[in-house]
PDB file of N, CA and C in Angstrom:
ATOM      1  N   MET A   1       3.558  32.865 -13.752  1.00  0.00           N
ATOM      2  CA  MET A   1       4.096  31.576 -14.118  1.00  0.00           C
ATOM      3  C   MET A   1       4.779  30.951 -12.898  1.00  0.00           C
ATOM      4  N   TYR A   2       4.545  29.669 -12.669  1.00  0.00           N
ATOM      5  CA  TYR A   2       5.139  28.967 -11.538  1.00  0.00           C
ATOM      6  C   TYR A   2       6.440  28.311 -11.960  1.00  0.00           C
ATOM      7  N   SER A   3       7.380  28.316 -11.070  1.00  0.00           N
ATOM      8  CA  SER A   3       8.619  27.591 -11.353  1.00  0.00           C
ATOM      9  C   SER A   3       8.392  26.109 -11.089  1.00  0.00           C
ATOM     10  N   ASN A   4       9.326  25.294 -11.531  1.00  0.00           N
ATOM     11  CA  ASN A   4       9.195  23.844 -11.336  1.00  0.00           C
ATOM     12  C   ASN A   4       9.171  23.475  -9.863  1.00  0.00           C
ATOM     13  N   LYS A   5       9.959  24.183  -9.044  1.00  0.00           N
ATOM     14  CA  LYS A   5      10.007  23.863  -7.620  1.00  0.00           C
ATOM     15  C   LYS A   5       8.663  24.136  -6.954  1.00  0.00           C
ATOM     16  N   GLU A   6       8.021  25.259  -7.275  1.00  0.00           N
ATOM     17  CA  GLU A   6       6.719  25.561  -6.693  1.00  0.00           C
ATOM     18  C   GLU A   6       5.669  24.559  -7.167  1.00  0.00           C
ATOM     19  N   ASN A   7       5.726  24.199  -8.441  1.00  0.00           N
ATOM     20  CA  ASN A   7       4.789  23.230  -8.988  1.00  0.00           C
ATOM     21  C   ASN A   7       5.010  21.856  -8.358  1.00  0.00           C
ATOM     22  N   TYR A   8       6.279  21.489  -8.156  1.00  0.00           N
ATOM     23  CA  TYR A   8       6.618  20.210  -7.531  1.00  0.00           C
ATOM     24  C   TYR A   8       6.074  20.167  -6.108  1.00  0.00           C
ATOM     25  N   ASN A   9       6.234  21.256  -5.347  1.00  0.00           N
ATOM     26  CA  ASN A   9       5.719  21.303  -3.978  1.00  0.00           C
ATOM     27  C   ASN A   9       4.204  21.237  -3.955  1.00  0.00           C
ATOM     28  N   ARG A  10       3.552  21.814  -4.944  1.00  0.00           N
ATOM     29  CA  ARG A  10       2.097  21.757  -5.017  1.00  0.00           C
ATOM     30  C   ARG A  10       1.637  20.316  -5.238  1.00  0.00           C
ATOM     31  N   GLU A  11       2.309  19.588  -6.144  1.00  0.00           N
ATOM     32  CA  GLU A  11       1.965  18.180  -6.374  1.00  0.00           C
ATOM     33  C   GLU A  11       2.183  17.365  -5.111  1.00  0.00           C
ATOM     34  N   GLU A  12       3.287  17.631  -4.422  1.00  0.00           N
ATOM     35  CA  GLU A  12       3.593  16.916  -3.192  1.00  0.00           C
ATOM     36  C   GLU A  12       2.529  17.180  -2.131  1.00  0.00           C
ATOM     37  N   GLY A  13       2.043  18.424  -2.050  1.00  0.00           N
ATOM     38  CA  GLY A  13       0.990  18.777  -1.096  1.00  0.00           C
ATOM     39  C   GLY A  13      -0.305  18.061  -1.416  1.00  0.00           C
ATOM     40  N   ASN A  14      -0.630  17.930  -2.709  1.00  0.00           N
ATOM     41  CA  ASN A  14      -1.835  17.207  -3.105  1.00  0.00           C
ATOM     42  C   ASN A  14      -1.743  15.733  -2.717  1.00  0.00           C
ATOM     43  N   LEU A  15      -0.571  15.124  -2.915  1.00  0.00           N
ATOM     44  CA  LEU A  15      -0.389  13.726  -2.516  1.00  0.00           C
ATOM     45  C   LEU A  15      -0.462  13.571  -1.004  1.00  0.00           C
ATOM     46  N   GLN A  16       0.071  14.543  -0.286  1.00  0.00           N
ATOM     47  CA  GLN A  16       0.019  14.485   1.168  1.00  0.00           C
ATOM     48  C   GLN A  16      -1.432  14.545   1.652  1.00  0.00           C
ATOM     49  N   ASP A  17      -2.227  15.420   1.064  1.00  0.00           N
ATOM     50  CA  ASP A  17      -3.647  15.506   1.424  1.00  0.00           C
ATOM     51  C   ASP A  17      -4.383  14.218   1.075  1.00  0.00           C
ATOM     52  N   LYS A  18      -4.062  13.659  -0.087  1.00  0.00           N
ATOM     53  CA  LYS A  18      -4.705  12.410  -0.501  1.00  0.00           C
ATOM     54  C   LYS A  18      -4.327  11.271   0.445  1.00  0.00           C
ATOM     55  N   CYS A  19      -3.056  11.214   0.841  1.00  0.00           N
ATOM     56  CA  CYS A  19      -2.607  10.192   1.793  1.00  0.00           C
ATOM     57  C   CYS A  19      -3.318  10.344   3.133  1.00  0.00           C
ATOM     58  N   ARG A  20      -3.471  11.585   3.600  1.00  0.00           N
ATOM     59  CA  ARG A  20      -4.166  11.816   4.870  1.00  0.00           C
ATOM     60  C   ARG A  20      -5.616  11.359   4.799  1.00  0.00           C
ATOM     61  N   SER A  21      -6.250  11.557   3.649  1.00  0.00           N
ATOM     62  CA  SER A  21      -7.653  11.148   3.529  1.00  0.00           C
ATOM     63  C   SER A  21      -7.803   9.632   3.435  1.00  0.00           C
ATOM     64  N   LEU A  22      -6.705   8.927   3.092  1.00  0.00           N
ATOM     65  CA  LEU A  22      -6.767   7.468   2.934  1.00  0.00           C
ATOM     66  C   LEU A  22      -6.053   6.715   4.060  1.00  0.00           C
ATOM     67  N   ILE A  23      -5.853   7.351   5.221  1.00  0.00           N
ATOM     68  CA  ILE A  23      -5.232   6.660   6.357  1.00  0.00           C
ATOM     69  C   ILE A  23      -6.120   5.483   6.761  1.00  0.00           C
ATOM     70  N   SER A  24      -5.504   4.343   7.010  1.00  0.00           N
ATOM     71  CA  SER A  24      -6.132   3.074   7.395  1.00  0.00           C
ATOM     72  C   SER A  24      -6.797   2.363   6.219  1.00  0.00           C
ATOM     73  N   TYR A  25      -6.590   2.835   4.998  1.00  0.00           N
ATOM     74  CA  TYR A  25      -7.114   2.155   3.818  1.00  0.00           C
ATOM     75  C   TYR A  25      -5.997   1.384   3.124  1.00  0.00           C
ATOM     76  N   HIS A  26      -6.383   0.334   2.436  1.00  0.00           N
ATOM     77  CA  HIS A  26      -5.460  -0.471   1.649  1.00  0.00           C
ATOM     78  C   HIS A  26      -5.399   0.144   0.249  1.00  0.00           C
ATOM     79  N   VAL A  27      -4.237   0.674  -0.122  1.00  0.00           N
ATOM     80  CA  VAL A  27      -4.101   1.398  -1.387  1.00  0.00           C
ATOM     81  C   VAL A  27      -2.957   0.825  -2.218  1.00  0.00           C
ATOM     82  N   ILE A  28      -2.940   1.182  -3.493  1.00  0.00           N
ATOM     83  CA  ILE A  28      -1.850   0.832  -4.392  1.00  0.00           C
ATOM     84  C   ILE A  28      -1.009   2.082  -4.599  1.00  0.00           C
ATOM     85  N   PHE A  29       0.289   1.973  -4.365  1.00  0.00           N
ATOM     86  CA  PHE A  29       1.224   3.084  -4.528  1.00  0.00           C
ATOM     87  C   PHE A  29       1.925   2.941  -5.868  1.00  0.00           C
ATOM     88  N   THR A  30       2.069   4.052  -6.587  1.00  0.00           N
ATOM     89  CA  THR A  30       2.839   4.087  -7.826  1.00  0.00           C
ATOM     90  C   THR A  30       4.035   4.999  -7.585  1.00  0.00           C
ATOM     91  N   MET A  31       5.230   4.460  -7.797  1.00  0.00           N
ATOM     92  CA  MET A  31       6.461   5.198  -7.535  1.00  0.00           C
ATOM     93  C   MET A  31       6.975   5.857  -8.815  1.00  0.00           C
ATOM     94  N   ARG A  32       7.880   6.809  -8.676  1.00  0.00           N
ATOM     95  CA  ARG A  32       8.450   7.518  -9.822  1.00  0.00           C
ATOM     96  C   ARG A  32       9.264   6.606 -10.722  1.00  0.00           C
ATOM     97  N   ASP A  33       9.849   5.535 -10.181  1.00  0.00           N
ATOM     98  CA  ASP A  33      10.649   4.622 -10.998  1.00  0.00           C
ATOM     99  C   ASP A  33       9.811   3.531 -11.669  1.00  0.00           C
ATOM    100  N   GLY A  34       8.486   3.612 -11.548  1.00  0.00           N
ATOM    101  CA  GLY A  34       7.597   2.677 -12.228  1.00  0.00           C
ATOM    102  C   GLY A  34       7.121   1.513 -11.381  1.00  0.00           C
ATOM    103  N   ARG A  35       7.703   1.324 -10.198  1.00  0.00           N
ATOM    104  CA  ARG A  35       7.273   0.227  -9.333  1.00  0.00           C
ATOM    105  C   ARG A  35       5.897   0.507  -8.764  1.00  0.00           C
ATOM    106  N   MET A  36       5.165  -0.566  -8.487  1.00  0.00           N
ATOM    107  CA  MET A  36       3.855  -0.473  -7.846  1.00  0.00           C
ATOM    108  C   MET A  36       3.814  -1.501  -6.726  1.00  0.00           C
ATOM    109  N   PHE A  37       3.210  -1.126  -5.609  1.00  0.00           N
ATOM    110  CA  PHE A  37       3.013  -2.076  -4.516  1.00  0.00           C
ATOM    111  C   PHE A  37       1.789  -1.648  -3.739  1.00  0.00           C
ATOM    112  N   ASP A  38       1.265  -2.575  -2.952  1.00  0.00           N
ATOM    113  CA  ASP A  38       0.087  -2.263  -2.150  1.00  0.00           C
ATOM    114  C   ASP A  38       0.468  -2.221  -0.680  1.00  0.00           C
ATOM    115  N   GLY A  39      -0.296  -1.461   0.089  1.00  0.00           N
ATOM    116  CA  GLY A  39      -0.046  -1.346   1.516  1.00  0.00           C
ATOM    117  C   GLY A  39      -1.152  -0.569   2.198  1.00  0.00           C
ATOM    118  N   ILE A  40      -1.080  -0.537   3.512  1.00  0.00           N
ATOM    119  CA  ILE A  40      -2.064   0.176   4.332  1.00  0.00           C
ATOM    120  C   ILE A  40      -1.378   1.413   4.899  1.00  0.00           C
ATOM    121  N   ILE A  41      -1.944   2.593   4.636  1.00  0.00           N
ATOM    122  CA  ILE A  41      -1.355   3.835   5.123  1.00  0.00           C
ATOM    123  C   ILE A  41      -1.606   3.934   6.623  1.00  0.00           C
ATOM    124  N   GLU A  42      -0.527   4.105   7.360  1.00  0.00           N
ATOM    125  CA  GLU A  42      -0.621   4.165   8.814  1.00  0.00           C
ATOM    126  C   GLU A  42      -0.484   5.596   9.341  1.00  0.00           C
ATOM    127  N   ASP A  43       0.437   6.377   8.748  1.00  0.00           N
ATOM    128  CA  ASP A  43       0.672   7.734   9.224  1.00  0.00           C
ATOM    129  C   ASP A  43       1.255   8.567   8.083  1.00  0.00           C
ATOM    130  N   VAL A  44       1.017   9.874   8.144  1.00  0.00           N
ATOM    131  CA  VAL A  44       1.550  10.807   7.148  1.00  0.00           C
ATOM    132  C   VAL A  44       2.152  11.983   7.898  1.00  0.00           C
ATOM    133  N   ASP A  45       3.401  12.324   7.568  1.00  0.00           N
ATOM    134  CA  ASP A  45       3.986  13.549   8.105  1.00  0.00           C
ATOM    135  C   ASP A  45       4.381  14.453   6.948  1.00  0.00           C
ATOM    136  N   ARG A  46       5.184  15.446   7.205  1.00  0.00           N
ATOM    137  CA  ARG A  46       5.484  16.453   6.191  1.00  0.00           C
ATOM    138  C   ARG A  46       6.220  15.881   4.980  1.00  0.00           C
ATOM    139  N   ASP A  47       7.119  14.932   5.194  1.00  0.00           N
ATOM    140  CA  ASP A  47       7.955  14.426   4.107  1.00  0.00           C
ATOM    141  C   ASP A  47       7.748  12.955   3.773  1.00  0.00           C
ATOM    142  N   ASN A  48       7.156  12.187   4.676  1.00  0.00           N
ATOM    143  CA  ASN A  48       7.088  10.731   4.511  1.00  0.00           C
ATOM    144  C   ASN A  48       5.693  10.188   4.768  1.00  0.00           C
ATOM    145  N   VAL A  49       5.476   8.990   4.245  1.00  0.00           N
ATOM    146  CA  VAL A  49       4.262   8.230   4.502  1.00  0.00           C
ATOM    147  C   VAL A  49       4.696   6.922   5.151  1.00  0.00           C
ATOM    148  N   THR A  50       4.081   6.567   6.267  1.00  0.00           N
ATOM    149  CA  THR A  50       4.365   5.288   6.916  1.00  0.00           C
ATOM    150  C   THR A  50       3.321   4.290   6.444  1.00  0.00           C
ATOM    151  N   VAL A  51       3.822   3.179   5.877  1.00  0.00           N
ATOM    152  CA  VAL A  51       2.950   2.203   5.221  1.00  0.00           C
ATOM    153  C   VAL A  51       3.226   0.813   5.785  1.00  0.00           C
ATOM    154  N   LEU A  52       2.164   0.040   5.999  1.00  0.00           N
ATOM    155  CA  LEU A  52       2.299  -1.384   6.316  1.00  0.00           C
ATOM    156  C   LEU A  52       2.261  -2.135   4.988  1.00  0.00           C
ATOM    157  N   VAL A  53       3.404  -2.686   4.593  1.00  0.00           N
ATOM    158  CA  VAL A  53       3.532  -3.367   3.304  1.00  0.00           C
ATOM    159  C   VAL A  53       3.444  -4.869   3.537  1.00  0.00           C
ATOM    160  N   GLY A  54       2.580  -5.534   2.788  1.00  0.00           N
ATOM    161  CA  GLY A  54       2.381  -6.969   2.941  1.00  0.00           C
ATOM    162  C   GLY A  54       3.401  -7.787   2.169  1.00  0.00           C
ATOM    163  N   GLU A  55       3.850  -8.859   2.786  1.00  0.00           N
ATOM    164  CA  GLU A  55       4.757  -9.814   2.154  1.00  0.00           C
ATOM    165  C   GLU A  55       4.091 -11.180   2.197  1.00  0.00           C
ATOM    166  N   ASP A  56       3.968 -11.844   1.067  1.00  0.00           N
ATOM    167  CA  ASP A  56       3.381 -13.185   1.027  1.00  0.00           C
ATOM    168  C   ASP A  56       4.392 -14.191   1.547  1.00  0.00           C
ATOM    169  N   MET A  57       3.973 -15.018   2.482  1.00  0.00           N
ATOM    170  CA  MET A  57       4.843 -16.002   3.115  1.00  0.00           C
ATOM    171  C   MET A  57       4.256 -17.396   2.920  1.00  0.00           C
ATOM    172  N   VAL A  58       5.145 -18.396   2.904  1.00  0.00           N
ATOM    173  CA  VAL A  58       4.739 -19.790   2.812  1.00  0.00           C
ATOM    174  C   VAL A  58       5.379 -20.518   3.984  1.00  0.00           C
ATOM    175  N   GLU A  59       4.564 -21.234   4.756  1.00  0.00           N
ATOM    176  CA  GLU A  59       5.064 -21.940   5.927  1.00  0.00           C
ATOM    177  C   GLU A  59       5.908 -23.137   5.497  1.00  0.00           C
ATOM    178  N   GLY A  60       7.121 -23.226   6.036  1.00  0.00           N
ATOM    179  CA  GLY A  60       7.994 -24.345   5.725  1.00  0.00           C
ATOM    180  C   GLY A  60       8.337 -24.431   4.251  1.00  0.00           C
ATOM    181  N   GLU A  61       8.753 -23.322   3.670  1.00  0.00           N
ATOM    182  CA  GLU A  61       8.998 -23.273   2.234  1.00  0.00           C
ATOM    183  C   GLU A  61      10.097 -24.243   1.797  1.00  0.00           C
ATOM    184  N   GLY A  62      11.135 -24.393   2.604  1.00  0.00           N
ATOM    185  CA  GLY A  62      12.233 -25.269   2.241  1.00  0.00           C
ATOM    186  C   GLY A  62      12.019 -26.726   2.639  1.00  0.00           C
ATOM    187  N   GLU A  63      11.033 -27.000   3.450  1.00  0.00           N
ATOM    188  CA  GLU A  63      10.786 -28.350   3.948  1.00  0.00           C
ATOM    189  C   GLU A  63       9.782 -29.068   3.061  1.00  0.00           C
ATOM    190  N   SER A  64       9.816 -30.391   3.092  1.00  0.00           N
ATOM    191  CA  SER A  64       8.790 -31.146   2.366  1.00  0.00           C
ATOM    192  C   SER A  64       7.549 -31.235   3.244  1.00  0.00           C
ATOM    193  N   ASN A  65       6.435 -30.826   2.705  1.00  0.00           N
ATOM    194  CA  ASN A  65       5.183 -30.823   3.470  1.00  0.00           C
ATOM    195  C   ASN A  65       4.354 -32.043   3.105  1.00  0.00           C
ATOM    196  N   ASN A  66       3.817 -32.697   4.126  1.00  0.00           N
ATOM    197  CA  ASN A  66       2.941 -33.839   3.911  1.00  0.00           C
ATOM    198  C   ASN A  66       1.498 -33.462   4.171  1.00  0.00           C
ATOM    199  N   ARG A  67       1.204 -32.185   4.104  1.00  0.00           N
ATOM    200  CA  ARG A  67      -0.164 -31.736   4.334  1.00  0.00           C
ATOM    201  C   ARG A  67      -1.011 -32.042   3.115  1.00  0.00           C
ATOM    202  N   GLN A  68      -2.273 -32.263   3.337  1.00  0.00           N
ATOM    203  CA  GLN A  68      -3.185 -32.643   2.266  1.00  0.00           C
ATOM    204  C   GLN A  68      -3.372 -31.523   1.242  1.00  0.00           C
ATOM    205  N   PHE A  69      -3.434 -30.276   1.708  1.00  0.00           N
ATOM    206  CA  PHE A  69      -3.722 -29.168   0.814  1.00  0.00           C
ATOM    207  C   PHE A  69      -2.487 -28.358   0.455  1.00  0.00           C
ATOM    208  N   GLY A  70      -1.305 -28.859   0.710  1.00  0.00           N
ATOM    209  CA  GLY A  70      -0.089 -28.140   0.394  1.00  0.00           C
ATOM    210  C   GLY A  70       0.348 -27.237   1.529  1.00  0.00           C
ATOM    211  N   PRO A  71       1.370 -26.435   1.285  1.00  0.00           N
ATOM    212  CA  PRO A  71       1.877 -25.563   2.351  1.00  0.00           C
ATOM    213  C   PRO A  71       0.885 -24.458   2.698  1.00  0.00           C
ATOM    214  N   ARG A  72       0.922 -24.040   3.948  1.00  0.00           N
ATOM    215  CA  ARG A  72       0.030 -22.978   4.400  1.00  0.00           C
ATOM    216  C   ARG A  72       0.616 -21.618   4.008  1.00  0.00           C
ATOM    217  N   ARG A  73      -0.209 -20.764   3.450  1.00  0.00           N
ATOM    218  CA  ARG A  73       0.219 -19.434   3.021  1.00  0.00           C
ATOM    219  C   ARG A  73      -0.405 -18.377   3.922  1.00  0.00           C
ATOM    220  N   PHE A  74       0.346 -17.326   4.182  1.00  0.00           N
ATOM    221  CA  PHE A  74      -0.167 -16.217   4.963  1.00  0.00           C
ATOM    222  C   PHE A  74       0.548 -14.952   4.538  1.00  0.00           C
ATOM    223  N   ARG A  75       0.118 -13.817   5.066  1.00  0.00           N
ATOM    224  CA  ARG A  75       0.687 -12.529   4.700  1.00  0.00           C
ATOM    225  C   ARG A  75       1.220 -11.838   5.950  1.00  0.00           C
ATOM    226  N   ARG A  76       2.463 -11.411   5.890  1.00  0.00           N
ATOM    227  CA  ARG A  76       3.107 -10.705   6.994  1.00  0.00           C
ATOM    228  C   ARG A  76       3.272  -9.242   6.575  1.00  0.00           C
ATOM    229  N   TYR A  77       3.018  -8.327   7.509  1.00  0.00           N
ATOM    230  CA  TYR A  77       3.121  -6.895   7.217  1.00  0.00           C
ATOM    231  C   TYR A  77       4.334  -6.305   7.919  1.00  0.00           C
ATOM    232  N   SER A  78       5.091  -5.493   7.187  1.00  0.00           N
ATOM    233  CA  SER A  78       6.214  -4.784   7.779  1.00  0.00           C
ATOM    234  C   SER A  78       6.034  -3.289   7.538  1.00  0.00           C
ATOM    235  N   ARG A  79       6.500  -2.499   8.480  1.00  0.00           N
ATOM    236  CA  ARG A  79       6.331  -1.045   8.422  1.00  0.00           C
ATOM    237  C   ARG A  79       7.479  -0.437   7.618  1.00  0.00           C
ATOM    238  N   ARG A  80       7.135   0.445   6.667  1.00  0.00           N
ATOM    239  CA  ARG A  80       8.133   1.153   5.862  1.00  0.00           C
ATOM    240  C   ARG A  80       7.766   2.625   5.760  1.00  0.00           C
ATOM    241  N   ARG A  81       8.794   3.467   5.731  1.00  0.00           N
ATOM    242  CA  ARG A  81       8.602   4.907   5.527  1.00  0.00           C
ATOM    243  C   ARG A  81       8.984   5.229   4.093  1.00  0.00           C
ATOM    244  N   ILE A  82       8.075   5.851   3.377  1.00  0.00           N
ATOM    245  CA  ILE A  82       8.279   6.160   1.968  1.00  0.00           C
ATOM    246  C   ILE A  82       8.248   7.672   1.804  1.00  0.00           C
ATOM    247  N   PRO A  83       9.267   8.254   1.161  1.00  0.00           N
ATOM    248  CA  PRO A  83       9.256   9.702   0.951  1.00  0.00           C
ATOM    249  C   PRO A  83       8.154  10.109  -0.027  1.00  0.00           C
ATOM    250  N   LEU A  84       7.465  11.186   0.286  1.00  0.00           N
ATOM    251  CA  LEU A  84       6.407  11.676  -0.601  1.00  0.00           C
ATOM    252  C   LEU A  84       6.969  12.066  -1.967  1.00  0.00           C
ATOM    253  N   ALA A  85       8.234  12.478  -2.007  1.00  0.00           N
ATOM    254  CA  ALA A  85       8.842  12.906  -3.262  1.00  0.00           C
ATOM    255  C   ALA A  85       8.988  11.748  -4.254  1.00  0.00           C
ATOM    256  N   SER A  86       8.987  10.508  -3.775  1.00  0.00           N
ATOM    257  CA  SER A  86       9.145   9.372  -4.676  1.00  0.00           C
ATOM    258  C   SER A  86       7.815   8.793  -5.161  1.00  0.00           C
ATOM    259  N   LEU A  87       6.692   9.368  -4.717  1.00  0.00           N
ATOM    260  CA  LEU A  87       5.372   8.880  -5.126  1.00  0.00           C
ATOM    261  C   LEU A  87       4.842   9.659  -6.323  1.00  0.00           C
ATOM    262  N   ILE A  88       4.187   8.966  -7.235  1.00  0.00           N
ATOM    263  CA  ILE A  88       3.474   9.618  -8.333  1.00  0.00           C
ATOM    264  C   ILE A  88       1.986   9.641  -8.028  1.00  0.00           C
ATOM    265  N   GLY A  89       1.451   8.509  -7.560  1.00  0.00           N
ATOM    266  CA  GLY A  89       0.020   8.461  -7.326  1.00  0.00           C
ATOM    267  C   GLY A  89      -0.397   7.363  -6.378  1.00  0.00           C
ATOM    268  N   LEU A  90      -1.663   7.446  -5.971  1.00  0.00           N
ATOM    269  CA  LEU A  90      -2.298   6.465  -5.091  1.00  0.00           C
ATOM    270  C   LEU A  90      -3.626   6.075  -5.699  1.00  0.00           C
ATOM    271  N   SER A  91      -4.000   4.846  -5.508  1.00  0.00           N
ATOM    272  CA  SER A  91      -5.347   4.439  -5.895  1.00  0.00           C
ATOM    273  C   SER A  91      -5.851   3.434  -4.873  1.00  0.00           C
ATOM    274  N   LEU A  92      -7.113   3.510  -4.586  1.00  0.00           N
ATOM    275  CA  LEU A  92      -7.727   2.639  -3.599  1.00  0.00           C
ATOM    276  C   LEU A  92      -7.793   1.221  -4.143  1.00  0.00           C
ATOM    277  N   LEU A  93      -7.411   0.243  -3.334  1.00  0.00           N
ATOM    278  CA  LEU A  93      -7.455  -1.157  -3.747  1.00  0.00           C
ATOM    279  C   LEU A  93      -8.892  -1.637  -3.656  1.00  0.00           C
ATOM    280  N   ALA A  94      -9.430  -2.093  -4.765  1.00  0.00           N
ATOM    281  CA  ALA A  94     -10.832  -2.520  -4.803  1.00  0.00           C
ATOM    282  C   ALA A  94     -10.924  -4.007  -4.478  1.00  0.00           C
ATOM    283  N   TYR A  95     -11.683  -4.326  -3.449  1.00  0.00           N
ATOM    284  CA  TYR A  95     -11.934  -5.715  -3.078  1.00  0.00           C
ATOM    285  C   TYR A  95     -13.273  -6.150  -3.659  1.00  0.00           C
ATOM    286  N   PRO A  96     -13.362  -7.387  -4.107  1.00  0.00           N
ATOM    287  CA  PRO A  96     -14.684  -7.865  -4.532  1.00  0.00           C
ATOM    288  C   PRO A  96     -15.546  -8.131  -3.300  1.00  0.00           C
ATOM    289  N   TYR A  97     -16.714  -7.574  -3.285  1.00  0.00           N
ATOM    290  CA  TYR A  97     -17.609  -7.763  -2.153  1.00  0.00           C
ATOM    291  C   TYR A  97     -18.461  -8.998  -2.380  1.00  0.00           C
ATOM    292  N   ILE A  98     -18.499  -9.853  -1.378  1.00  0.00           N
ATOM    293  CA  ILE A  98     -19.297 -11.083  -1.456  1.00  0.00           C
ATOM    294  C   ILE A  98     -20.533 -10.871  -0.596  1.00  0.00           C
ATOM    295  N   PHE A  99     -21.680 -11.012  -1.189  1.00  0.00           N
ATOM    296  CA  PHE A  99     -22.925 -10.809  -0.460  1.00  0.00           C
ATOM    297  C   PHE A  99     -23.258 -12.053   0.345  1.00  0.00           C
ATOM    298  N   PRO A 100     -23.890 -11.871   1.496  1.00  0.00           N
ATOM    299  CA  PRO A 100     -24.256 -13.049   2.304  1.00  0.00           C
ATOM    300  C   PRO A 100     -25.326 -13.877   1.581  1.00  0.00           C
ATOM    301  N   PRO A 101     -25.333 -15.185   1.794  1.00  0.00           N
ATOM    302  CA  PRO A 101     -26.290 -16.043   1.076  1.00  0.00           C
ATOM    303  C   PRO A 101     -27.710 -15.926   1.603  1.00  0.00           C
ATOM    304  N   PHE A 102     -27.932 -15.151   2.630  1.00  0.00           N
ATOM    305  CA  PHE A 102     -29.270 -15.001   3.192  1.00  0.00           C
ATOM    306  C   PHE A 102     -29.564 -13.532   3.423  1.00  0.00           C
ATOM    307  N   LEU A 103     -30.818 -13.196   3.533  1.00  0.00           N
ATOM    308  CA  LEU A 103     -31.241 -11.824   3.790  1.00  0.00           C
ATOM    309  C   LEU A 103     -31.804 -11.743   5.190  1.00  0.00           C
ATOM    310  N   PHE A 104     -31.622 -10.628   5.838  1.00  0.00           N
ATOM    311  CA  PHE A 104     -32.125 -10.447   7.194  1.00  0.00           C
ATOM    312  C   PHE A 104     -33.576 -10.037   7.179  1.00  0.00           C
TER     313      PHE A 104
END
């Protein structure tokens, strides 16, 4: 019979292996407190995962814009270290693939 600590370390090892296999992929992280966010895994060490987390930004949010199509939106990425102990799971972010309108 395994104790909770050994079982907990086994789960953590499985997540660490999964994170290593998904380096440079855009994934969805599920945390123990129920939060979910997306990011790109940059590095994995023994206790932490380094993730590039995207933040949606709007150019000139407080200013009145006279642009025809509204304010310009973009995404800024910031680096964060997340402890493996606070993760429950990972899932690959699925992008819709758009096929080219012509064939080669």
